[in-house]
Amino acid sequence: DMEFLECIGWESIIIDQCHTSKMSKHFEKIRRLNTDFRLLLFNGQIK
């Protein structure tokens, strides 16, 4: 699946719920996607 997604020239990538512990293992894969803009959304208080 990642090989297919890496071939796409994404205009932007928006990821919701980035604060969850499950997301940490996916960040490197997200970085490999071809885009100039990434928006990571967090839910909760910023301290």
PDB file of N, CA and C in Angstrom:
ATOM      1  N   ASP A   1       0.806  -1.196   0.000  1.00  0.00           N
ATOM      2  CA  ASP A   1       0.000   0.000   0.000  1.00  0.00           C
ATOM      3  C   ASP A   1       0.853   1.266   0.000  1.00  0.00           C
ATOM      4  N   MET A   2       1.938   1.272   0.771  1.00  0.00           N
ATOM      5  CA  MET A   2       2.782   2.470   0.847  1.00  0.00           C
ATOM      6  C   MET A   2       3.439   2.767  -0.493  1.00  0.00           C
ATOM      7  N   GLU A   3       3.828   1.752  -1.242  1.00  0.00           N
ATOM      8  CA  GLU A   3       4.438   1.984  -2.556  1.00  0.00           C
ATOM      9  C   GLU A   3       3.467   2.731  -3.465  1.00  0.00           C
ATOM     10  N   PHE A   4       2.210   2.367  -3.435  1.00  0.00           N
ATOM     11  CA  PHE A   4       1.192   3.043  -4.235  1.00  0.00           C
ATOM     12  C   PHE A   4       1.004   4.483  -3.759  1.00  0.00           C
ATOM     13  N   LEU A   5       0.895   4.682  -2.452  1.00  0.00           N
ATOM     14  CA  LEU A   5       0.668   6.023  -1.900  1.00  0.00           C
ATOM     15  C   LEU A   5       1.858   6.945  -2.131  1.00  0.00           C
ATOM     16  N   GLU A   6       3.076   6.399  -2.123  1.00  0.00           N
ATOM     17  CA  GLU A   6       4.275   7.210  -2.341  1.00  0.00           C
ATOM     18  C   GLU A   6       4.363   7.728  -3.778  1.00  0.00           C
ATOM     19  N   CYS A   7       3.699   7.081  -4.722  1.00  0.00           N
ATOM     20  CA  CYS A   7       3.737   7.504  -6.126  1.00  0.00           C
ATOM     21  C   CYS A   7       2.819   8.686  -6.411  1.00  0.00           C
ATOM     22  N   ILE A   8       1.923   8.976  -5.514  1.00  0.00           N
ATOM     23  CA  ILE A   8       0.957  10.065  -5.717  1.00  0.00           C
ATOM     24  C   ILE A   8       1.581  11.384  -5.286  1.00  0.00           C
ATOM     25  N   GLY A   9       1.408  12.429  -6.081  1.00  0.00           N
ATOM     26  CA  GLY A   9       1.850  13.771  -5.703  1.00  0.00           C
ATOM     27  C   GLY A   9       0.730  14.473  -4.951  1.00  0.00           C
ATOM     28  N   TRP A  10       0.715  14.326  -3.652  1.00  0.00           N
ATOM     29  CA  TRP A  10      -0.357  14.874  -2.821  1.00  0.00           C
ATOM     30  C   TRP A  10      -0.260  16.395  -2.753  1.00  0.00           C
ATOM     31  N   GLU A  11      -1.398  17.087  -2.861  1.00  0.00           N
ATOM     32  CA  GLU A  11      -1.432  18.537  -2.672  1.00  0.00           C
ATOM     33  C   GLU A  11      -1.247  18.865  -1.195  1.00  0.00           C
ATOM     34  N   SER A  12      -1.898  18.108  -0.344  1.00  0.00           N
ATOM     35  CA  SER A  12      -1.728  18.256   1.101  1.00  0.00           C
ATOM     36  C   SER A  12      -2.128  16.953   1.774  1.00  0.00           C
ATOM     37  N   ILE A  13      -1.646  16.781   2.995  1.00  0.00           N
ATOM     38  CA  ILE A  13      -1.998  15.614   3.798  1.00  0.00           C
ATOM     39  C   ILE A  13      -2.440  16.132   5.155  1.00  0.00           C
ATOM     40  N   ILE A  14      -3.635  15.730   5.570  1.00  0.00           N
ATOM     41  CA  ILE A  14      -4.181  16.152   6.860  1.00  0.00           C
ATOM     42  C   ILE A  14      -4.430  14.902   7.694  1.00  0.00           C
ATOM     43  N   ILE A  15      -3.826  14.863   8.867  1.00  0.00           N
ATOM     44  CA  ILE A  15      -3.937  13.717   9.761  1.00  0.00           C
ATOM     45  C   ILE A  15      -4.616  14.170  11.048  1.00  0.00           C
ATOM     46  N   ASP A  16      -5.706  13.515  11.411  1.00  0.00           N
ATOM     47  CA  ASP A  16      -6.441  13.838  12.633  1.00  0.00           C
ATOM     48  C   ASP A  16      -6.032  12.876  13.749  1.00  0.00           C
ATOM     49  N   GLN A  17      -6.229  13.288  14.977  1.00  0.00           N
ATOM     50  CA  GLN A  17      -5.966  12.470  16.162  1.00  0.00           C
ATOM     51  C   GLN A  17      -4.494  12.071  16.283  1.00  0.00           C
ATOM     52  N   CYS A  18      -3.597  13.002  16.044  1.00  0.00           N
ATOM     53  CA  CYS A  18      -2.160  12.714  16.089  1.00  0.00           C
ATOM     54  C   CYS A  18      -1.620  12.512  17.490  1.00  0.00           C
ATOM     55  N   HIS A  19      -2.408  12.799  18.489  1.00  0.00           N
ATOM     56  CA  HIS A  19      -1.942  12.674  19.860  1.00  0.00           C
ATOM     57  C   HIS A  19      -2.007  11.236  20.379  1.00  0.00           C
ATOM     58  N   THR A  20      -2.632  10.340  19.649  1.00  0.00           N
ATOM     59  CA  THR A  20      -2.775   8.970  20.137  1.00  0.00           C
ATOM     60  C   THR A  20      -1.455   8.219  20.049  1.00  0.00           C
ATOM     61  N   SER A  21      -1.269   7.281  20.943  1.00  0.00           N
ATOM     62  CA  SER A  21      -0.019   6.515  20.981  1.00  0.00           C
ATOM     63  C   SER A  21       0.164   5.666  19.722  1.00  0.00           C
ATOM     64  N   LYS A  22      -0.902   5.294  19.060  1.00  0.00           N
ATOM     65  CA  LYS A  22      -0.815   4.488  17.842  1.00  0.00           C
ATOM     66  C   LYS A  22      -0.163   5.252  16.690  1.00  0.00           C
ATOM     67  N   MET A  23      -0.266   6.578  16.695  1.00  0.00           N
ATOM     68  CA  MET A  23       0.245   7.381  15.585  1.00  0.00           C
ATOM     69  C   MET A  23       1.764   7.431  15.534  1.00  0.00           C
ATOM     70  N   SER A  24       2.433   7.256  16.649  1.00  0.00           N
ATOM     71  CA  SER A  24       3.889   7.401  16.656  1.00  0.00           C
ATOM     72  C   SER A  24       4.572   6.429  15.693  1.00  0.00           C
ATOM     73  N   LYS A  25       4.024   5.253  15.520  1.00  0.00           N
ATOM     74  CA  LYS A  25       4.640   4.286  14.604  1.00  0.00           C
ATOM     75  C   LYS A  25       4.349   4.612  13.136  1.00  0.00           C
ATOM     76  N   HIS A  26       3.417   5.519  12.864  1.00  0.00           N
ATOM     77  CA  HIS A  26       3.057   5.872  11.493  1.00  0.00           C
ATOM     78  C   HIS A  26       3.724   7.155  10.996  1.00  0.00           C
ATOM     79  N   PHE A  27       4.353   7.926  11.875  1.00  0.00           N
ATOM     80  CA  PHE A  27       4.909   9.211  11.468  1.00  0.00           C
ATOM     81  C   PHE A  27       5.971   9.083  10.376  1.00  0.00           C
ATOM     82  N   GLU A  28       6.818   8.087  10.436  1.00  0.00           N
ATOM     83  CA  GLU A  28       7.852   7.924   9.405  1.00  0.00           C
ATOM     84  C   GLU A  28       7.215   7.617   8.053  1.00  0.00           C
ATOM     85  N   LYS A  29       6.170   6.842   8.040  1.00  0.00           N
ATOM     86  CA  LYS A  29       5.463   6.549   6.787  1.00  0.00           C
ATOM     87  C   LYS A  29       4.811   7.811   6.231  1.00  0.00           C
ATOM     88  N   ILE A  30       4.240   8.623   7.104  1.00  0.00           N
ATOM     89  CA  ILE A  30       3.614   9.871   6.668  1.00  0.00           C
ATOM     90  C   ILE A  30       4.661  10.801   6.066  1.00  0.00           C
ATOM     91  N   ARG A  31       5.841  10.833   6.648  1.00  0.00           N
ATOM     92  CA  ARG A  31       6.917  11.691   6.144  1.00  0.00           C
ATOM     93  C   ARG A  31       7.368  11.285   4.751  1.00  0.00           C
ATOM     94  N   ARG A  32       7.244  10.015   4.404  1.00  0.00           N
ATOM     95  CA  ARG A  32       7.681   9.529   3.094  1.00  0.00           C
ATOM     96  C   ARG A  32       6.734   9.915   1.968  1.00  0.00           C
ATOM     97  N   LEU A  33       5.520  10.333   2.294  1.00  0.00           N
ATOM     98  CA  LEU A  33       4.553  10.699   1.258  1.00  0.00           C
ATOM     99  C   LEU A  33       4.951  12.014   0.605  1.00  0.00           C
ATOM    100  N   ASN A  34       4.771  12.093  -0.706  1.00  0.00           N
ATOM    101  CA  ASN A  34       5.210  13.219  -1.519  1.00  0.00           C
ATOM    102  C   ASN A  34       4.228  14.386  -1.415  1.00  0.00           C
ATOM    103  N   THR A  35       4.553  15.370  -0.561  1.00  0.00           N
ATOM    104  CA  THR A  35       3.721  16.560  -0.399  1.00  0.00           C
ATOM    105  C   THR A  35       4.562  17.702   0.162  1.00  0.00           C
ATOM    106  N   ASP A  36       4.098  18.918  -0.069  1.00  0.00           N
ATOM    107  CA  ASP A  36       4.762  20.085   0.508  1.00  0.00           C
ATOM    108  C   ASP A  36       4.060  20.560   1.771  1.00  0.00           C
ATOM    109  N   PHE A  37       2.874  20.026   2.056  1.00  0.00           N
ATOM    110  CA  PHE A  37       2.090  20.509   3.186  1.00  0.00           C
ATOM    111  C   PHE A  37       1.516  19.340   3.973  1.00  0.00           C
ATOM    112  N   ARG A  38       1.821  19.307   5.255  1.00  0.00           N
ATOM    113  CA  ARG A  38       1.242  18.321   6.170  1.00  0.00           C
ATOM    114  C   ARG A  38       0.617  19.072   7.339  1.00  0.00           C
ATOM    115  N   LEU A  39      -0.604  18.718   7.671  1.00  0.00           N
ATOM    116  CA  LEU A  39      -1.292  19.317   8.806  1.00  0.00           C
ATOM    117  C   LEU A  39      -1.649  18.194   9.769  1.00  0.00           C
ATOM    118  N   LEU A  40      -1.110  18.271  10.975  1.00  0.00           N
ATOM    119  CA  LEU A  40      -1.374  17.270  11.998  1.00  0.00           C
ATOM    120  C   LEU A  40      -2.294  17.892  13.040  1.00  0.00           C
ATOM    121  N   LEU A  41      -3.448  17.288  13.253  1.00  0.00           N
ATOM    122  CA  LEU A  41      -4.445  17.827  14.173  1.00  0.00           C
ATOM    123  C   LEU A  41      -4.400  17.076  15.500  1.00  0.00           C
ATOM    124  N   PHE A  42      -4.417  17.839  16.573  1.00  0.00           N
ATOM    125  CA  PHE A  42      -4.391  17.278  17.919  1.00  0.00           C
ATOM    126  C   PHE A  42      -5.692  17.628  18.622  1.00  0.00           C
ATOM    127  N   ASN A  43      -6.175  16.733  19.441  1.00  0.00           N
ATOM    128  CA  ASN A  43      -7.393  16.961  20.201  1.00  0.00           C
ATOM    129  C   ASN A  43      -7.023  16.970  21.676  1.00  0.00           C
ATOM    130  N   GLY A  44      -7.270  18.051  22.325  1.00  0.00           N
ATOM    131  CA  GLY A  44      -6.975  18.132  23.751  1.00  0.00           C
ATOM    132  C   GLY A  44      -6.317  19.439  24.099  1.00  0.00           C
ATOM    133  N   GLN A  45      -5.973  19.577  25.352  1.00  0.00           N
ATOM    134  CA  GLN A  45      -5.369  20.806  25.844  1.00  0.00           C
ATOM    135  C   GLN A  45      -3.894  20.872  25.500  1.00  0.00           C
ATOM    136  N   ILE A  46      -3.457  22.060  25.145  1.00  0.00           N
ATOM    137  CA  ILE A  46      -2.033  22.306  24.939  1.00  0.00           C
ATOM    138  C   ILE A  46      -1.518  22.953  26.208  1.00  0.00           C
ATOM    139  N   LYS A  47      -0.520  22.348  26.818  1.00  0.00           N
ATOM    140  CA  LYS A  47       0.013  22.875  28.087  1.00  0.00           C
ATOM    141  C   LYS A  47       1.350  23.520  27.873  1.00  0.00           C
TER     142      LYS A  47
END
